[in-house]
Protein backbone atom coordinates (compact mmCIF):
# COMPACT_ATOMS: atom_id res chain seq x y z
CA MET A 1 -87.84 -210.01 -130.11
CA GLY A 2 -87.92 -209.39 -126.36
CA ALA A 3 -87.12 -206.26 -124.42
CA PRO A 4 -83.87 -204.44 -125.19
CA PRO A 5 -81.09 -204.82 -122.60
CA LYS A 6 -81.00 -202.10 -119.99
CA LEU A 7 -77.20 -201.97 -120.06
CA THR A 8 -75.11 -201.20 -123.11
CA ALA A 9 -71.71 -202.64 -123.93
CA ALA A 10 -70.11 -199.29 -123.19
CA GLN A 11 -71.77 -199.13 -119.79
CA VAL A 12 -70.71 -202.67 -118.87
CA ALA A 13 -67.13 -201.95 -119.91
CA ASP A 14 -67.09 -198.74 -117.88
CA ALA A 15 -68.61 -200.47 -114.86
CA ARG A 16 -66.08 -203.32 -114.96
CA SER A 17 -63.17 -200.89 -115.24
CA ARG A 18 -64.33 -198.77 -112.31
CA PHE A 19 -65.20 -201.80 -110.22
CA ALA A 20 -61.81 -203.44 -110.82
CA ALA A 21 -60.08 -200.19 -109.87
CA LYS A 22 -62.12 -200.11 -106.63
CA GLN A 23 -63.61 -196.79 -107.62
CA ALA A 24 -67.20 -197.91 -107.03
CA THR A 25 -69.17 -200.79 -105.58
CA HIS A 26 -71.68 -202.81 -107.56
CA ARG A 27 -74.47 -201.10 -105.60
CA GLN A 28 -73.24 -197.65 -106.58
CA LEU A 29 -72.93 -198.72 -110.19
CA ALA A 30 -76.39 -200.27 -110.19
CA ALA A 31 -77.88 -197.03 -108.86
CA GLU A 32 -75.98 -194.94 -111.40
CA TYR A 33 -77.13 -197.02 -114.38
CA GLN A 34 -80.61 -197.55 -112.93
CA VAL A 35 -80.55 -201.34 -112.93
CA SER A 36 -81.02 -203.84 -110.16
CA ARG A 37 -78.05 -204.90 -108.06
CA PRO A 38 -78.26 -208.53 -109.32
CA ALA A 39 -78.24 -207.28 -112.94
CA MET A 40 -75.12 -205.22 -112.31
CA ARG A 41 -73.41 -208.03 -110.40
CA HIS A 42 -74.10 -210.47 -113.23
CA ALA A 43 -72.73 -208.04 -115.81
CA LEU A 44 -69.58 -207.52 -113.75
CA ASN A 45 -68.79 -211.18 -113.15
CA GLY A 46 -69.71 -212.41 -116.63
CA THR A 47 -72.91 -214.26 -115.83
CA THR A 48 -74.33 -211.93 -118.49
CA TRP A 49 -72.33 -210.05 -121.12
CA ALA A 50 -69.85 -212.93 -121.17
CA HIS A 51 -69.02 -212.14 -124.82
CA LEU A 52 -67.62 -208.78 -123.73
CA THR A 53 -63.96 -209.51 -123.06
CA ASP A 54 -62.46 -206.00 -123.00
CA PRO A 55 -62.34 -205.46 -120.11
CA PRO A 56 -62.90 -209.06 -118.97
CA PRO A 57 -65.39 -210.03 -116.27
CA VAL A 58 -64.34 -209.13 -112.74
CA THR A 59 -64.14 -211.85 -110.14
CA GLY A 60 -65.96 -211.03 -106.92
CA THR A 61 -68.93 -208.77 -106.52
CA ARG A 62 -67.46 -205.98 -104.47
CA PRO A 63 -64.07 -204.34 -103.87
CA GLN A 64 -62.22 -206.14 -101.11
CA PRO A 65 -61.33 -204.09 -98.02
CA GLN A 66 -57.79 -202.85 -97.94
CA ALA A 67 -55.32 -204.53 -95.63
CA LEU A 68 -54.03 -202.61 -92.65
CA THR A 69 -50.42 -201.55 -92.44
CA ALA A 70 -48.22 -201.39 -89.34
CA ASP A 71 -48.18 -197.60 -89.51
CA GLN A 72 -51.98 -197.46 -89.61
CA VAL A 73 -52.33 -199.82 -86.66
CA ALA A 74 -49.82 -197.83 -84.62
CA HIS A 75 -51.54 -194.56 -85.46
CA ALA A 76 -54.96 -196.00 -84.64
CA ARG A 77 -53.80 -197.23 -81.25
CA ARG A 78 -52.44 -193.81 -80.34
CA GLN A 79 -55.57 -192.09 -81.57
CA VAL A 80 -58.06 -194.47 -79.90
CA GLU A 81 -56.14 -194.31 -76.62
CA THR A 82 -56.92 -190.59 -76.38
CA ASP A 83 -60.30 -190.71 -78.14
CA PRO A 84 -62.05 -194.13 -78.13
CA ALA A 85 -64.90 -192.75 -80.27
CA SER A 86 -62.48 -192.14 -83.16
CA LEU A 87 -62.23 -195.83 -84.07
CA ALA A 88 -65.18 -195.83 -86.48
CA GLY A 89 -63.88 -192.78 -88.35
CA LEU A 90 -60.41 -194.26 -88.65
CA ALA A 91 -61.85 -197.47 -90.09
CA ARG A 92 -63.60 -195.47 -92.81
CA THR A 93 -60.42 -193.50 -93.52
CA TYR A 94 -58.34 -196.66 -93.87
CA GLY A 95 -60.98 -198.40 -96.00
CA VAL A 96 -61.36 -201.37 -93.62
CA ASN A 97 -64.32 -202.61 -91.67
CA HIS A 98 -64.83 -201.59 -88.07
CA SER A 99 -64.16 -205.00 -86.53
CA SER A 100 -60.84 -205.41 -88.37
CA LEU A 101 -59.47 -202.18 -86.98
CA GLU A 102 -60.93 -202.86 -83.53
CA HIS A 103 -59.18 -206.25 -83.41
CA ALA A 104 -55.89 -204.64 -84.42
CA VAL A 105 -56.17 -201.84 -81.87
CA TYR A 106 -56.91 -204.21 -78.99
CA GLY A 107 -54.36 -206.86 -79.96
CA ILE A 108 -56.66 -209.63 -81.15
CA THR A 109 -54.72 -209.25 -84.39
CA TRP A 110 -51.39 -207.46 -84.84
CA ALA A 111 -50.35 -208.65 -81.38
CA HIS A 112 -46.71 -208.72 -82.59
CA LEU A 113 -46.77 -204.94 -82.97
CA THR A 114 -45.64 -203.71 -79.57
CA CYS A 115 -44.81 -200.08 -80.28
CA PRO A 116 -47.28 -198.86 -79.26
CA PRO A 117 -48.66 -201.97 -77.51
CA PRO A 118 -52.27 -203.11 -77.92
CA LEU A 119 -54.79 -201.19 -75.86
CA PRO A 120 -56.73 -202.92 -73.04
CA ARG A 121 -60.28 -203.66 -74.05
CA PRO A 122 -62.71 -201.22 -72.43
CA ALA A 123 -65.23 -202.54 -69.90
CA PRO A 124 -68.84 -202.80 -71.16
CA ILE A 125 -70.73 -199.56 -70.61
CA GLN A 126 -74.05 -199.94 -68.83
CA ASP A 127 -76.44 -197.17 -68.03
CA ALA A 128 -79.96 -196.92 -66.70
CA ASN A 129 -81.47 -196.52 -70.14
CA ALA A 130 -79.63 -199.30 -71.96
CA THR A 131 -80.46 -202.96 -72.09
CA ALA A 132 -77.93 -204.43 -69.67
CA LYS A 133 -77.04 -208.01 -68.86
CA LEU A 134 -78.17 -209.34 -65.52
CA SER A 135 -75.89 -209.44 -62.50
CA PRO A 136 -76.04 -211.70 -59.41
CA GLN A 137 -77.55 -208.85 -57.42
CA ILE A 138 -80.23 -208.20 -60.04
CA VAL A 139 -81.07 -211.90 -60.32
CA ALA A 140 -81.46 -212.21 -56.54
CA GLN A 141 -83.82 -209.23 -56.49
CA LEU A 142 -85.80 -210.58 -59.43
CA ARG A 143 -86.41 -213.83 -57.57
CA ARG A 144 -87.49 -211.98 -54.43
CA ASP A 145 -89.87 -209.78 -56.41
CA TYR A 146 -91.28 -212.79 -58.27
CA LEU A 147 -91.96 -214.58 -54.99
CA ALA A 148 -93.61 -211.40 -53.74
CA GLY A 149 -96.06 -211.53 -56.63
CA ASP A 150 -94.57 -209.51 -59.50
CA SER A 151 -95.11 -211.06 -62.92
CA ILE A 152 -92.31 -212.05 -65.29
CA THR A 153 -93.41 -209.38 -67.74
CA THR A 154 -93.30 -206.65 -65.09
CA LEU A 155 -89.86 -207.72 -63.92
CA ALA A 156 -88.53 -207.90 -67.49
CA SER A 157 -89.79 -204.39 -68.17
CA GLN A 158 -88.10 -203.07 -65.05
CA ALA A 159 -84.82 -204.84 -65.83
CA LYS A 160 -85.01 -203.86 -69.52
CA VAL A 161 -84.44 -207.41 -70.74
CA ALA A 162 -86.59 -209.99 -72.52
CA ASP A 163 -89.27 -211.95 -70.66
CA SER A 164 -87.41 -215.18 -71.42
CA THR A 165 -84.23 -213.80 -69.83
CA VAL A 166 -86.01 -213.09 -66.57
CA ARG A 167 -87.94 -216.38 -66.63
CA ASP A 168 -84.74 -218.39 -67.10
CA ALA A 169 -82.95 -216.49 -64.31
CA VAL A 170 -85.86 -216.79 -61.87
CA HIS A 171 -86.25 -220.53 -62.42
CA GLY A 172 -82.53 -221.30 -62.46
CA ILE A 173 -82.21 -222.30 -66.09
CA THR A 174 -79.51 -219.62 -66.06
CA TRP A 175 -77.74 -218.07 -63.06
CA ARG A 176 -77.70 -221.31 -61.08
CA SER A 177 -74.68 -219.90 -59.26
CA VAL A 178 -76.90 -217.47 -57.32
CA PRO A 179 -77.91 -219.40 -54.18
CA ASP A 180 -79.74 -216.74 -52.19
CA PRO A 181 -82.57 -216.80 -52.85
CA PRO A 182 -82.48 -220.13 -54.70
CA PRO A 183 -84.17 -220.57 -58.08
CA VAL A 184 -87.95 -220.75 -57.98
CA PRO A 185 -89.01 -224.23 -59.15
CA VAL A 186 -91.04 -224.36 -62.33
CA ALA A 187 -94.65 -225.32 -61.70
CA ALA A 188 -95.10 -229.09 -61.74
CA ALA A 189 -97.16 -230.85 -64.37
CA GLY A 190 -100.52 -232.26 -63.41
CA GLY A 191 -102.52 -229.13 -62.65
CA ALA A 192 -104.93 -229.53 -59.76
CA TRP A 193 -103.62 -232.95 -58.80
CA VAL A 194 -100.40 -231.50 -57.32
CA LEU A 195 -102.42 -229.81 -54.56
CA SER A 196 -104.09 -231.42 -51.57
CA GLU A 197 -107.28 -230.25 -49.88
CA ASP A 198 -105.17 -228.69 -47.12
CA ASP A 199 -103.16 -226.82 -49.77
CA GLU A 200 -106.32 -225.50 -51.34
CA ALA A 201 -107.60 -224.34 -47.97
CA LYS A 202 -104.33 -222.51 -47.36
CA ILE A 203 -104.59 -220.91 -50.79
CA ALA A 204 -108.06 -219.63 -49.94
CA ARG A 205 -106.78 -218.10 -46.69
CA LEU A 206 -103.81 -216.47 -48.41
CA ARG A 207 -106.09 -214.95 -51.02
CA ASP A 208 -108.91 -213.82 -48.72
CA GLN A 209 -106.95 -212.80 -45.63
CA GLU A 210 -103.50 -211.78 -46.86
CA LYS A 211 -104.67 -210.56 -50.29
CA LEU A 212 -101.71 -212.14 -52.09
CA THR A 213 -101.63 -212.15 -55.86
CA TRP A 214 -102.18 -215.36 -57.79
CA ALA A 215 -98.54 -215.25 -58.89
CA ALA A 216 -97.33 -215.05 -55.28
CA ILE A 217 -99.63 -217.86 -54.19
CA GLY A 218 -98.60 -220.03 -57.12
CA ALA A 219 -94.91 -219.46 -56.33
CA ARG A 220 -95.42 -220.60 -52.73
CA PHE A 221 -97.00 -223.88 -53.81
CA ASN A 222 -94.88 -224.42 -56.92
CA VAL A 223 -97.86 -224.16 -59.30
CA THR A 224 -98.98 -221.75 -61.98
CA LYS A 225 -101.24 -218.79 -61.35
CA GLY A 226 -104.08 -220.59 -63.15
CA THR A 227 -103.70 -223.66 -60.96
CA ALA A 228 -103.78 -221.51 -57.83
CA LEU A 229 -106.95 -219.79 -59.07
CA ARG A 230 -108.67 -223.09 -59.79
CA ALA A 231 -107.64 -224.43 -56.38
CA TYR A 232 -109.14 -221.34 -54.73
CA ARG A 233 -112.40 -221.83 -56.58
CA ARG A 234 -112.56 -225.46 -55.51
CA ALA A 235 -111.80 -224.57 -51.90
CA THR A 236 -114.42 -221.85 -51.75
CA ASP A 237 -117.03 -223.91 -53.63
CA GLY A 238 -116.23 -227.22 -51.95
CA ALA A 239 -115.73 -228.93 -55.32
CA ARG A 240 -112.99 -231.38 -56.26
CA PRO A 241 -112.02 -232.46 -59.80
CA ASN A 242 -113.56 -235.55 -61.26
CA ALA A 243 -111.64 -238.60 -62.40
CA LEU A 244 -111.02 -236.96 -65.76
CA GLY A 245 -109.23 -234.09 -64.08
CA ASP A 246 -111.14 -231.46 -66.05
CA GLY A 247 -112.18 -229.41 -63.03
CA ARG A 248 -115.83 -230.56 -63.00
CA THR A 249 -117.63 -232.53 -60.33
CA ALA A 250 -120.54 -234.82 -60.89
CA GLY A 251 -123.61 -232.84 -61.82
CA THR A 252 -121.76 -229.76 -63.11
CA THR A 253 -121.76 -228.60 -66.72
CA GLY A 254 -118.93 -227.31 -68.79
CA THR A 255 -120.31 -223.79 -68.40
CA ASP A 256 -120.40 -224.21 -64.61
CA ALA A 257 -116.77 -225.29 -64.58
CA ARG A 258 -115.64 -222.43 -66.80
CA GLU A 259 -117.42 -219.89 -64.63
CA GLY A 260 -116.10 -221.44 -61.44
CA ARG A 261 -119.47 -222.44 -60.07
């Protein structure tokens, strides 16, 4: 026999009538009759209960937002000019979505309405606690700090942006227009082979005498932190990579190489 339907004919008829009159959304009706939203939507549009023709199925699954009128747009412009925070409340009052009213107020739509004229769009608000876009000054400082040894993660935390945002700005994938300091080149491929013995000796001196971080040393030689570390170990141990480029010399084991011996 199967389970009995959760909705009755009377309930479907009532729901269609109220939905067509824009008195309730399908979500509100679903909650009221304790059925799922898909079940209510199907009953409204005739996917189910197609035999019920009075009232007929309703096209669409939700009441469409009302269209703005010239009087509403004019009133909203006057109101938002004195109180920008009132825009959201006005949108609810007019039964339109926020972006529709915002576009009308600032002249993206309703540009032909000139009394009152569209309002100028406000400048983006940035404060110390909000995630802000980078500026040329911030990008320049990020590059200086990166060259001084700060990690991408540290810089991203300080700037309150994603790691990838800082990485792209530091390496010039974005913000190529900032010339001073120039973008920091991305470490070259090839690992240890991009460094000479003289480079490795310099890396050892920078680490032992100047106490620079691996990030700062890597930035100076256009290599990664790991490559700088391995170069330091080779310089201090007197070992060079074998022909396979795996960091081991003849006579060393995998364990020796991993431990830097």
